[in-house]
Protein backbone atom coordinates (compact mmCIF):
# COMPACT_ATOMS: atom_id res chain seq x y z
CA MET A 1 0.00 0.00 0.00
CA ALA A 2 1.38 3.40 -0.90
CA GLN A 3 1.78 6.07 1.72
CA ASN A 4 -1.36 8.11 2.29
CA ALA A 5 -0.46 11.77 1.63
CA SER A 6 -3.55 13.01 3.49
CA LEU A 7 -2.62 11.22 6.72
CA GLN A 8 -0.25 12.54 9.36
CA VAL A 9 1.08 11.06 12.59
CA LEU A 10 0.21 13.54 15.35
CA SER A 11 1.79 11.85 18.35
CA VAL A 12 3.50 8.76 19.71
CA ASP A 13 2.54 7.75 23.25
CA LEU A 14 5.93 6.70 24.63
CA ASN A 15 8.00 8.45 27.27
CA ARG A 16 11.30 9.99 26.24
CA TYR A 17 13.01 7.76 28.82
CA THR A 18 11.66 4.24 29.18
CA LYS A 19 12.46 1.24 31.31
CA VAL A 20 14.00 -1.93 29.97
CA GLY A 21 11.23 -4.27 28.84
CA THR A 22 8.31 -4.60 26.47
CA HIS A 23 6.50 -1.45 25.35
CA PRO A 24 3.43 -0.98 23.14
CA ILE A 25 3.73 1.50 20.28
CA THR A 26 0.63 3.69 20.51
CA SER A 27 0.13 6.65 18.20
CA GLN A 28 -2.51 9.04 16.92
CA VAL A 29 -3.00 9.85 13.23
CA LYS A 30 -5.14 12.50 11.55
CA ASN A 31 -6.95 12.44 8.21
CA ASP A 32 -6.05 15.75 6.54
CA GLY A 33 -7.76 14.78 3.29
CA ASP A 34 -11.27 15.42 2.05
CA THR A 35 -12.41 11.78 1.86
CA PRO A 36 -12.70 9.11 4.57
CA ILE A 37 -9.78 6.72 5.03
CA GLN A 38 -10.94 3.10 4.79
CA SER A 39 -7.59 1.37 5.41
CA LEU A 40 -4.01 2.30 6.16
CA THR A 41 -0.66 0.73 6.87
CA LEU A 42 1.21 1.98 9.92
CA HIS A 43 4.91 1.34 10.49
CA TRP A 44 7.44 1.73 13.27
CA GLN A 45 11.20 1.26 13.37
CA VAL A 46 13.94 1.60 15.97
CA ASN A 47 17.48 2.67 15.01
CA GLU A 48 17.17 1.86 11.28
CA GLU A 49 16.53 -1.82 12.12
CA THR A 50 13.51 -3.97 11.20
CA VAL A 51 10.42 -2.08 10.02
CA HIS A 52 7.27 -3.33 11.75
CA SER A 53 4.16 -2.81 9.60
CA TYR A 54 0.50 -3.53 10.12
CA THR A 55 -2.44 -2.81 7.82
CA TYR A 56 -5.71 -1.74 9.40
CA HIS A 57 -8.86 -2.47 7.36
CA ASN A 58 -12.55 -1.55 7.71
CA LEU A 59 -11.79 1.91 9.06
CA ASN A 60 -13.84 5.04 8.59
CA ILE A 61 -11.60 7.94 9.55
CA ALA A 62 -13.58 10.99 8.48
CA PRO A 63 -11.85 14.07 7.07
CA ASN A 64 -10.25 16.17 9.81
CA SER A 65 -10.70 13.32 12.32
CA THR A 66 -8.14 11.38 14.34
CA TYR A 67 -7.58 7.69 15.02
CA THR A 68 -5.52 6.21 17.86
CA PHE A 69 -3.90 2.83 17.37
CA THR A 70 -1.69 0.43 19.28
CA HIS A 71 0.50 -1.55 16.91
CA PRO A 72 0.14 -5.33 17.48
CA GLU A 73 3.94 -5.77 17.60
CA LYS A 74 5.53 -4.47 20.80
CA TRP A 75 9.02 -3.04 21.18
CA GLN A 76 11.53 -4.84 23.42
CA ALA A 77 13.77 -2.12 24.89
CA ALA A 78 17.21 -2.78 26.35
CA ILE A 79 19.67 -0.32 27.88
CA ALA A 80 20.71 1.97 25.02
CA ASN A 81 19.82 5.13 23.12
CA TYR A 82 17.08 4.70 20.53
CA ASP A 83 15.60 6.58 17.60
CA LEU A 84 11.95 5.53 17.21
CA LYS A 85 10.15 6.38 13.95
CA VAL A 86 6.41 5.97 13.38
CA TRP A 87 4.78 6.70 9.99
CA ALA A 88 1.84 5.85 7.76
């Protein structure tokens, strides 16, 4: 699925400093387009490593509305510095 140009990631719900362990990747996206979004693929990646992708179907994100998701794959954090990216 191609990136949706009318969709933006507004926020990622993860503290700047986290404990070692498993963490859900929760984020909020907004439909900036003029038509409802029926499906989308959301991705996350830590430190240029494996990209984790999941496609959500049967959505109805109205124009100018937001949608909050928790990605089904969780992040396993160890002691280190990380660069977390989330995009649609």
